[in-house]
Amino acid sequence: GDTVSALNHAGVADDFTFVSTAGGAFLEWMEGRDLPG
């Protein structure tokens, strides 16, 4: 969430390869966890 807001604030979100709007799921993926869904 904070990251998306920050990139939008910087006006560059559309220039990144991919911006995920997921919060908890993105963090758990960064932790290396298997996501049940």
PDB file of all heavy atoms in Angstrom:
ATOM      1  N   GLY A   1       0.792  -1.233   0.000  1.00  0.00           N
ATOM      2  CA  GLY A   1       0.000   0.000   0.000  1.00  0.00           C
ATOM      3  C   GLY A   1       0.818   1.273   0.000  1.00  0.00           C
ATOM      4  O   GLY A   1       0.642   2.153  -0.844  1.00  0.00           O
ATOM      5  N   ASP A   2       1.777   1.385   0.954  1.00  0.00           N
ATOM      6  CA  ASP A   2       2.611   2.588   1.031  1.00  0.00           C
ATOM      7  C   ASP A   2       3.439   2.757  -0.234  1.00  0.00           C
ATOM      8  O   ASP A   2       3.680   3.875  -0.694  1.00  0.00           O
ATOM      9  CB  ASP A   2       3.555   2.507   2.236  1.00  0.00           C
ATOM     10  CG  ASP A   2       2.842   2.833   3.536  1.00  0.00           C
ATOM     11  OD1 ASP A   2       1.668   3.228   3.470  1.00  0.00           O
ATOM     12  OD2 ASP A   2       3.461   2.690   4.605  1.00  0.00           O
ATOM     13  N   THR A   3       3.880   1.624  -0.787  1.00  0.00           N
ATOM     14  CA  THR A   3       4.729   1.678  -1.969  1.00  0.00           C
ATOM     15  C   THR A   3       3.967   2.223  -3.163  1.00  0.00           C
ATOM     16  O   THR A   3       4.466   3.077  -3.908  1.00  0.00           O
ATOM     17  CB  THR A   3       5.264   0.272  -2.302  1.00  0.00           C
ATOM     18  OG1 THR A   3       5.749  -0.321  -1.097  1.00  0.00           O
ATOM     19  CG2 THR A   3       6.361   0.326  -3.338  1.00  0.00           C
ATOM     20  N   VAL A   4       2.756   1.736  -3.358  1.00  0.00           N
ATOM     21  CA  VAL A   4       1.927   2.213  -4.470  1.00  0.00           C
ATOM     22  C   VAL A   4       1.677   3.709  -4.324  1.00  0.00           C
ATOM     23  O   VAL A   4       1.800   4.470  -5.291  1.00  0.00           O
ATOM     24  CB  VAL A   4       0.594   1.436  -4.535  1.00  0.00           C
ATOM     25  CG1 VAL A   4      -0.291   1.989  -5.646  1.00  0.00           C
ATOM     26  CG2 VAL A   4       0.850  -0.053  -4.760  1.00  0.00           C
ATOM     27  N   SER A   5       1.356   4.139  -3.110  1.00  0.00           N
ATOM     28  CA  SER A   5       1.128   5.576  -2.863  1.00  0.00           C
ATOM     29  C   SER A   5       2.387   6.385  -3.157  1.00  0.00           C
ATOM     30  O   SER A   5       2.321   7.465  -3.751  1.00  0.00           O
ATOM     31  CB  SER A   5       0.710   5.805  -1.403  1.00  0.00           C
ATOM     32  OG  SER A   5      -0.507   5.161  -1.124  1.00  0.00           O
ATOM     33  N   ALA A   6       3.543   5.858  -2.743  1.00  0.00           N
ATOM     34  CA  ALA A   6       4.791   6.575  -2.948  1.00  0.00           C
ATOM     35  C   ALA A   6       5.126   6.693  -4.434  1.00  0.00           C
ATOM     36  O   ALA A   6       5.562   7.749  -4.897  1.00  0.00           O
ATOM     37  CB  ALA A   6       5.925   5.872  -2.197  1.00  0.00           C
ATOM     38  N   LEU A   7       4.923   5.605  -5.189  1.00  0.00           N
ATOM     39  CA  LEU A   7       5.230   5.644  -6.620  1.00  0.00           C
ATOM     40  C   LEU A   7       4.247   6.547  -7.364  1.00  0.00           C
ATOM     41  O   LEU A   7       4.632   7.238  -8.311  1.00  0.00           O
ATOM     42  CB  LEU A   7       5.215   4.235  -7.207  1.00  0.00           C
ATOM     43  CG  LEU A   7       6.263   3.274  -6.647  1.00  0.00           C
ATOM     44  CD1 LEU A   7       6.213   1.941  -7.387  1.00  0.00           C
ATOM     45  CD2 LEU A   7       7.663   3.862  -6.721  1.00  0.00           C
ATOM     46  N   ASN A   8       3.005   6.548  -6.930  1.00  0.00           N
ATOM     47  CA  ASN A   8       2.031   7.475  -7.528  1.00  0.00           C
ATOM     48  C   ASN A   8       2.415   8.916  -7.208  1.00  0.00           C
ATOM     49  O   ASN A   8       2.316   9.803  -8.058  1.00  0.00           O
ATOM     50  CB  ASN A   8       0.624   7.174  -7.011  1.00  0.00           C
ATOM     51  CG  ASN A   8       0.004   5.959  -7.675  1.00  0.00           C
ATOM     52  OD1 ASN A   8       0.306   5.650  -8.826  1.00  0.00           O
ATOM     53  ND2 ASN A   8      -0.855   5.252  -6.958  1.00  0.00           N
ATOM     54  N   HIS A   9       2.854   9.138  -5.977  1.00  0.00           N
ATOM     55  CA  HIS A   9       3.286  10.474  -5.556  1.00  0.00           C
ATOM     56  C   HIS A   9       4.465  10.945  -6.403  1.00  0.00           C
ATOM     57  O   HIS A   9       4.568  12.128  -6.769  1.00  0.00           O
ATOM     58  CB  HIS A   9       3.668  10.436  -4.075  1.00  0.00           C
ATOM     59  CG  HIS A   9       4.265  11.702  -3.553  1.00  0.00           C
ATOM     60  ND1 HIS A   9       3.528  12.858  -3.391  1.00  0.00           N
ATOM     61  CD2 HIS A   9       5.538  12.022  -3.164  1.00  0.00           C
ATOM     62  CE1 HIS A   9       4.309  13.823  -2.920  1.00  0.00           C
ATOM     63  NE2 HIS A   9       5.541  13.336  -2.777  1.00  0.00           N
ATOM     64  N   ALA A  10       5.360  10.010  -6.738  1.00  0.00           N
ATOM     65  CA  ALA A  10       6.521  10.345  -7.564  1.00  0.00           C
ATOM     66  C   ALA A  10       6.161  10.433  -9.040  1.00  0.00           C
ATOM     67  O   ALA A  10       6.983  10.887  -9.851  1.00  0.00           O
ATOM     68  CB  ALA A  10       7.620   9.299  -7.364  1.00  0.00           C
ATOM     69  N   GLY A  11       4.950   9.991  -9.391  1.00  0.00           N
ATOM     70  CA  GLY A  11       4.490  10.065 -10.776  1.00  0.00           C
ATOM     71  C   GLY A  11       5.117   9.031 -11.686  1.00  0.00           C
ATOM     72  O   GLY A  11       5.186   9.225 -12.901  1.00  0.00           O
ATOM     73  N   VAL A  12       5.568   7.894 -11.102  1.00  0.00           N
ATOM     74  CA  VAL A  12       6.293   6.909 -11.922  1.00  0.00           C
ATOM     75  C   VAL A  12       5.677   5.513 -11.890  1.00  0.00           C
ATOM     76  O   VAL A  12       6.249   4.585 -12.463  1.00  0.00           O
ATOM     77  CB  VAL A  12       7.775   6.817 -11.476  1.00  0.00           C
ATOM     78  CG1 VAL A  12       8.478   8.152 -11.666  1.00  0.00           C
ATOM     79  CG2 VAL A  12       7.893   6.342 -10.035  1.00  0.00           C
ATOM     80  N   ALA A  13       4.540   5.341 -11.238  1.00  0.00           N
ATOM     81  CA  ALA A  13       3.962   4.002 -11.104  1.00  0.00           C
ATOM     82  C   ALA A  13       3.773   3.327 -12.464  1.00  0.00           C
ATOM     83  O   ALA A  13       4.015   2.125 -12.612  1.00  0.00           O
ATOM     84  CB  ALA A  13       2.639   4.068 -10.341  1.00  0.00           C
ATOM     85  N   ASP A  14       3.356   4.094 -13.458  1.00  0.00           N
ATOM     86  CA  ASP A  14       3.102   3.518 -14.783  1.00  0.00           C
ATOM     87  C   ASP A  14       4.385   3.128 -15.514  1.00  0.00           C
ATOM     88  O   ASP A  14       4.331   2.395 -16.509  1.00  0.00           O
ATOM     89  CB  ASP A  14       2.307   4.503 -15.653  1.00  0.00           C
ATOM     90  CG  ASP A  14       0.882   4.677 -15.160  1.00  0.00           C
ATOM     91  OD1 ASP A  14       0.412   3.809 -14.398  1.00  0.00           O
ATOM     92  OD2 ASP A  14       0.241   5.678 -15.531  1.00  0.00           O
ATOM     93  N   ASP A  15       5.524   3.611 -15.032  1.00  0.00           N
ATOM     94  CA  ASP A  15       6.794   3.315 -15.698  1.00  0.00           C
ATOM     95  C   ASP A  15       7.479   2.067 -15.142  1.00  0.00           C
ATOM     96  O   ASP A  15       8.430   1.563 -15.741  1.00  0.00           O
ATOM     97  CB  ASP A  15       7.753   4.503 -15.586  1.00  0.00           C
ATOM     98  CG  ASP A  15       7.280   5.699 -16.404  1.00  0.00           C
ATOM     99  OD1 ASP A  15       6.594   5.480 -17.420  1.00  0.00           O
ATOM    100  OD2 ASP A  15       7.574   6.843 -16.017  1.00  0.00           O
ATOM    101  N   PHE A  16       7.027   1.584 -13.982  1.00  0.00           N
ATOM    102  CA  PHE A  16       7.579   0.345 -13.440  1.00  0.00           C
ATOM    103  C   PHE A  16       7.063  -0.832 -14.263  1.00  0.00           C
ATOM    104  O   PHE A  16       5.994  -0.770 -14.868  1.00  0.00           O
ATOM    105  CB  PHE A  16       7.176   0.178 -11.972  1.00  0.00           C
ATOM    106  CG  PHE A  16       8.155   0.783 -10.996  1.00  0.00           C
ATOM    107  CD1 PHE A  16       8.518   2.126 -11.096  1.00  0.00           C
ATOM    108  CD2 PHE A  16       8.718   0.028  -9.991  1.00  0.00           C
ATOM    109  CE1 PHE A  16       9.426   2.691 -10.211  1.00  0.00           C
ATOM    110  CE2 PHE A  16       9.623   0.576  -9.090  1.00  0.00           C
ATOM    111  CZ  PHE A  16       9.977   1.901  -9.203  1.00  0.00           C
ATOM    112  N   THR A  17       7.833  -1.924 -14.286  1.00  0.00           N
ATOM    113  CA  THR A  17       7.411  -3.117 -15.028  1.00  0.00           C
ATOM    114  C   THR A  17       6.076  -3.614 -14.509  1.00  0.00           C
ATOM    115  O   THR A  17       5.176  -3.946 -15.289  1.00  0.00           O
ATOM    116  CB  THR A  17       8.459  -4.234 -14.891  1.00  0.00           C
ATOM    117  OG1 THR A  17       9.736  -3.729 -15.294  1.00  0.00           O
ATOM    118  CG2 THR A  17       8.086  -5.435 -15.751  1.00  0.00           C
ATOM    119  N   PHE A  18       5.929  -3.669 -13.183  1.00  0.00           N
ATOM    120  CA  PHE A  18       4.683  -4.137 -12.581  1.00  0.00           C
ATOM    121  C   PHE A  18       4.554  -3.551 -11.185  1.00  0.00           C
ATOM    122  O   PHE A  18       5.519  -3.542 -10.413  1.00  0.00           O
ATOM    123  CB  PHE A  18       4.659  -5.671 -12.504  1.00  0.00           C
ATOM    124  CG  PHE A  18       3.327  -6.231 -12.081  1.00  0.00           C
ATOM    125  CD1 PHE A  18       2.303  -6.395 -13.003  1.00  0.00           C
ATOM    126  CD2 PHE A  18       3.089  -6.572 -10.762  1.00  0.00           C
ATOM    127  CE1 PHE A  18       1.068  -6.893 -12.610  1.00  0.00           C
ATOM    128  CE2 PHE A  18       1.859  -7.070 -10.365  1.00  0.00           C
ATOM    129  CZ  PHE A  18       0.851  -7.230 -11.292  1.00  0.00           C
ATOM    130  N   VAL A  19       3.371  -3.056 -10.866  1.00  0.00           N
ATOM    131  CA  VAL A  19       3.087  -2.549  -9.524  1.00  0.00           C
ATOM    132  C   VAL A  19       1.896  -3.315  -8.973  1.00  0.00           C
ATOM    133  O   VAL A  19       0.798  -3.268  -9.530  1.00  0.00           O
ATOM    134  CB  VAL A  19       2.797  -1.032  -9.532  1.00  0.00           C
ATOM    135  CG1 VAL A  19       2.433  -0.555  -8.129  1.00  0.00           C
ATOM    136  CG2 VAL A  19       3.997  -0.257 -10.055  1.00  0.00           C
ATOM    137  N   SER A  20       2.124  -4.038  -7.908  1.00  0.00           N
ATOM    138  CA  SER A  20       1.069  -4.842  -7.286  1.00  0.00           C
ATOM    139  C   SER A  20       0.311  -4.004  -6.263  1.00  0.00           C
ATOM    140  O   SER A  20       0.918  -3.311  -5.444  1.00  0.00           O
ATOM    141  CB  SER A  20       1.688  -6.056  -6.590  1.00  0.00           C
ATOM    142  OG  SER A  20       0.719  -6.731  -5.813  1.00  0.00           O
ATOM    143  N   THR A  21      -1.005  -4.079  -6.326  1.00  0.00           N
ATOM    144  CA  THR A  21      -1.820  -3.368  -5.336  1.00  0.00           C
ATOM    145  C   THR A  21      -2.064  -4.225  -4.106  1.00  0.00           C
ATOM    146  O   THR A  21      -2.695  -3.786  -3.152  1.00  0.00           O
ATOM    147  CB  THR A  21      -3.171  -2.944  -5.943  1.00  0.00           C
ATOM    148  OG1 THR A  21      -3.840  -4.110  -6.441  1.00  0.00           O
ATOM    149  CG2 THR A  21      -2.983  -1.954  -7.073  1.00  0.00           C
ATOM    150  N   ALA A  22      -1.579  -5.468  -4.132  1.00  0.00           N
ATOM    151  CA  ALA A  22      -1.767  -6.361  -2.988  1.00  0.00           C
ATOM    152  C   ALA A  22      -0.885  -5.920  -1.825  1.00  0.00           C
ATOM    153  O   ALA A  22       0.252  -5.500  -2.025  1.00  0.00           O
ATOM    154  CB  ALA A  22      -1.441  -7.798  -3.384  1.00  0.00           C
ATOM    155  N   GLY A  23      -1.402  -6.019  -0.623  1.00  0.00           N
ATOM    156  CA  GLY A  23      -0.632  -5.677   0.568  1.00  0.00           C
ATOM    157  C   GLY A  23      -0.054  -6.909   1.229  1.00  0.00           C
ATOM    158  O   GLY A  23       1.102  -7.263   1.034  1.00  0.00           O
ATOM    159  N   GLY A  24      -0.898  -7.589   2.025  1.00  0.00           N
ATOM    160  CA  GLY A  24      -0.439  -8.767   2.764  1.00  0.00           C
ATOM    161  C   GLY A  24       0.078  -9.871   1.870  1.00  0.00           C
ATOM    162  O   GLY A  24       1.083 -10.517   2.176  1.00  0.00           O
ATOM    163  N   ALA A  25      -0.583 -10.101   0.733  1.00  0.00           N
ATOM    164  CA  ALA A  25      -0.153 -11.173  -0.168  1.00  0.00           C
ATOM    165  C   ALA A  25       1.225 -10.877  -0.744  1.00  0.00           C
ATOM    166  O   ALA A  25       2.073 -11.764  -0.870  1.00  0.00           O
ATOM    167  CB  ALA A  25      -1.169 -11.367  -1.292  1.00  0.00           C
ATOM    168  N   PHE A  26       1.473  -9.613  -1.090  1.00  0.00           N
ATOM    169  CA  PHE A  26       2.778  -9.239  -1.645  1.00  0.00           C
ATOM    170  C   PHE A  26       3.874  -9.428  -0.601  1.00  0.00           C
ATOM    171  O   PHE A  26       4.949  -9.956  -0.898  1.00  0.00           O
ATOM    172  CB  PHE A  26       2.736  -7.790  -2.132  1.00  0.00           C
ATOM    173  CG  PHE A  26       3.964  -7.370  -2.904  1.00  0.00           C
ATOM    174  CD1 PHE A  26       4.055  -7.612  -4.268  1.00  0.00           C
ATOM    175  CD2 PHE A  26       5.024  -6.736  -2.273  1.00  0.00           C
ATOM    176  CE1 PHE A  26       5.190  -7.233  -4.991  1.00  0.00           C
ATOM    177  CE2 PHE A  26       6.162  -6.357  -2.984  1.00  0.00           C
ATOM    178  CZ  PHE A  26       6.239  -6.608  -4.347  1.00  0.00           C
ATOM    179  N   LEU A  27       3.590  -9.023   0.646  1.00  0.00           N
ATOM    180  CA  LEU A  27       4.581  -9.177   1.712  1.00  0.00           C
ATOM    181  C   LEU A  27       4.877 -10.647   1.976  1.00  0.00           C
ATOM    182  O   LEU A  27       6.033 -11.040   2.160  1.00  0.00           O
ATOM    183  CB  LEU A  27       4.091  -8.504   2.994  1.00  0.00           C
ATOM    184  CG  LEU A  27       4.456  -7.035   3.187  1.00  0.00           C
ATOM    185  CD1 LEU A  27       3.903  -6.524   4.501  1.00  0.00           C
ATOM    186  CD2 LEU A  27       5.961  -6.837   3.142  1.00  0.00           C
ATOM    187  N   GLU A  28       3.822 -11.484   2.017  1.00  0.00           N
ATOM    188  CA  GLU A  28       4.045 -12.904   2.280  1.00  0.00           C
ATOM    189  C   GLU A  28       4.821 -13.545   1.139  1.00  0.00           C
ATOM    190  O   GLU A  28       5.636 -14.443   1.363  1.00  0.00           O
ATOM    191  CB  GLU A  28       2.712 -13.620   2.531  1.00  0.00           C
ATOM    192  CG  GLU A  28       2.084 -13.220   3.846  1.00  0.00           C
ATOM    193  CD  GLU A  28       1.002 -14.174   4.331  1.00  0.00           C
ATOM    194  OE1 GLU A  28       0.934 -15.306   3.816  1.00  0.00           O
ATOM    195  OE2 GLU A  28       0.232 -13.781   5.230  1.00  0.00           O
ATOM    196  N   TRP A  29       4.586 -13.074  -0.091  1.00  0.00           N
ATOM    197  CA  TRP A  29       5.374 -13.570  -1.209  1.00  0.00           C
ATOM    198  C   TRP A  29       6.835 -13.168  -1.026  1.00  0.00           C
ATOM    199  O   TRP A  29       7.748 -13.960  -1.266  1.00  0.00           O
ATOM    200  CB  TRP A  29       4.822 -13.018  -2.528  1.00  0.00           C
ATOM    201  CG  TRP A  29       5.757 -13.213  -3.666  1.00  0.00           C
ATOM    202  CD1 TRP A  29       6.006 -14.361  -4.365  1.00  0.00           C
ATOM    203  CD2 TRP A  29       6.645 -12.218  -4.205  1.00  0.00           C
ATOM    204  NE1 TRP A  29       6.976 -14.135  -5.310  1.00  0.00           N
ATOM    205  CE2 TRP A  29       7.382 -12.835  -5.237  1.00  0.00           C
ATOM    206  CE3 TRP A  29       6.865 -10.874  -3.934  1.00  0.00           C
ATOM    207  CZ2 TRP A  29       8.336 -12.159  -5.991  1.00  0.00           C
ATOM    208  CZ3 TRP A  29       7.810 -10.192  -4.665  1.00  0.00           C
ATOM    209  CH2 TRP A  29       8.532 -10.830  -5.694  1.00  0.00           C
ATOM    210  N   MET A  30       7.093 -11.930  -0.564  1.00  0.00           N
ATOM    211  CA  MET A  30       8.463 -11.478  -0.331  1.00  0.00           C
ATOM    212  C   MET A  30       9.128 -12.259   0.801  1.00  0.00           C
ATOM    213  O   MET A  30      10.353 -12.337   0.884  1.00  0.00           O
ATOM    214  CB  MET A  30       8.494  -9.980  -0.020  1.00  0.00           C
ATOM    215  CG  MET A  30       8.265  -9.096  -1.235  1.00  0.00           C
ATOM    216  SD  MET A  30       8.499  -7.342  -0.877  1.00  0.00           S
ATOM    217  CE  MET A  30      10.294  -7.206  -0.811  1.00  0.00           C
ATOM    218  N   GLU A  31       8.301 -12.823   1.679  1.00  0.00           N
ATOM    219  CA  GLU A  31       8.829 -13.651   2.772  1.00  0.00           C
ATOM    220  C   GLU A  31       9.151 -15.069   2.306  1.00  0.00           C
ATOM    221  O   GLU A  31       9.707 -15.872   3.059  1.00  0.00           O
ATOM    222  CB  GLU A  31       7.811 -13.722   3.916  1.00  0.00           C
ATOM    223  CG  GLU A  31       7.614 -12.402   4.642  1.00  0.00           C
ATOM    224  CD  GLU A  31       6.405 -12.404   5.564  1.00  0.00           C
ATOM    225  OE1 GLU A  31       5.768 -13.478   5.707  1.00  0.00           O
ATOM    226  OE2 GLU A  31       6.097 -11.351   6.148  1.00  0.00           O
ATOM    227  N   GLY A  32       8.769 -15.389   1.047  1.00  0.00           N
ATOM    228  CA  GLY A  32       9.035 -16.719   0.518  1.00  0.00           C
ATOM    229  C   GLY A  32       7.991 -17.751   0.871  1.00  0.00           C
ATOM    230  O   GLY A  32       8.222 -18.955   0.731  1.00  0.00           O
ATOM    231  N   ARG A  33       6.834 -17.295   1.328  1.00  0.00           N
ATOM    232  CA  ARG A  33       5.786 -18.241   1.711  1.00  0.00           C
ATOM    233  C   ARG A  33       4.994 -18.736   0.504  1.00  0.00           C
ATOM    234  O   ARG A  33       4.862 -18.030  -0.494  1.00  0.00           O
ATOM    235  CB  ARG A  33       4.799 -17.570   2.674  1.00  0.00           C
ATOM    236  CG  ARG A  33       5.405 -17.143   3.985  1.00  0.00           C
ATOM    237  CD  ARG A  33       4.298 -16.879   4.974  1.00  0.00           C
ATOM    238  NE  ARG A  33       4.689 -15.969   6.028  1.00  0.00           N
ATOM    239  CZ  ARG A  33       3.893 -15.643   7.039  1.00  0.00           C
ATOM    240  NH1 ARG A  33       2.670 -16.134   7.106  1.00  0.00           N
ATOM    241  NH2 ARG A  33       4.311 -14.809   7.969  1.00  0.00           N
ATOM    242  N   ASP A  34       4.445 -19.934   0.632  1.00  0.00           N
ATOM    243  CA  ASP A  34       3.481 -20.419  -0.351  1.00  0.00           C
ATOM    244  C   ASP A  34       2.135 -19.768  -0.058  1.00  0.00           C
ATOM    245  O   ASP A  34       1.686 -19.765   1.094  1.00  0.00           O
ATOM    246  CB  ASP A  34       3.326 -21.944  -0.258  1.00  0.00           C
ATOM    247  CG  ASP A  34       4.371 -22.665  -1.099  1.00  0.00           C
ATOM    248  OD1 ASP A  34       4.884 -22.044  -2.046  1.00  0.00           O
ATOM    249  OD2 ASP A  34       4.667 -23.829  -0.800  1.00  0.00           O
ATOM    250  N   LEU A  35       1.488 -19.213  -1.075  1.00  0.00           N
ATOM    251  CA  LEU A  35       0.184 -18.587  -0.892  1.00  0.00           C
ATOM    252  C   LEU A  35      -0.889 -19.615  -1.235  1.00  0.00           C
ATOM    253  O   LEU A  35      -0.909 -20.143  -2.356  1.00  0.00           O
ATOM    254  CB  LEU A  35       0.054 -17.353  -1.792  1.00  0.00           C
ATOM    255  CG  LEU A  35       1.183 -16.316  -1.681  1.00  0.00           C
ATOM    256  CD1 LEU A  35       0.878 -15.106  -2.550  1.00  0.00           C
ATOM    257  CD2 LEU A  35       1.385 -15.898  -0.240  1.00  0.00           C
ATOM    258  N   PRO A  36      -1.783 -19.925  -0.304  1.00  0.00           N
ATOM    259  CA  PRO A  36      -2.759 -20.991  -0.518  1.00  0.00           C
ATOM    260  C   PRO A  36      -3.585 -20.824  -1.795  1.00  0.00           C
ATOM    261  O   PRO A  36      -3.823 -21.788  -2.525  1.00  0.00           O
ATOM    262  CB  PRO A  36      -3.660 -20.919   0.716  1.00  0.00           C
ATOM    263  CG  PRO A  36      -2.816 -20.282   1.764  1.00  0.00           C
ATOM    264  CD  PRO A  36      -1.913 -19.329   1.048  1.00  0.00           C
ATOM    265  N   GLY A  37      -4.020 -19.593  -2.056  1.00  0.00           N
ATOM    266  CA  GLY A  37      -4.851 -19.350  -3.248  1.00  0.00           C
ATOM    267  C   GLY A  37      -4.110 -19.550  -4.546  1.00  0.00           C
ATOM    268  O   GLY A  37      -4.709 -19.838  -5.581  1.00  0.00           O
TER     269      GLY A  37
END
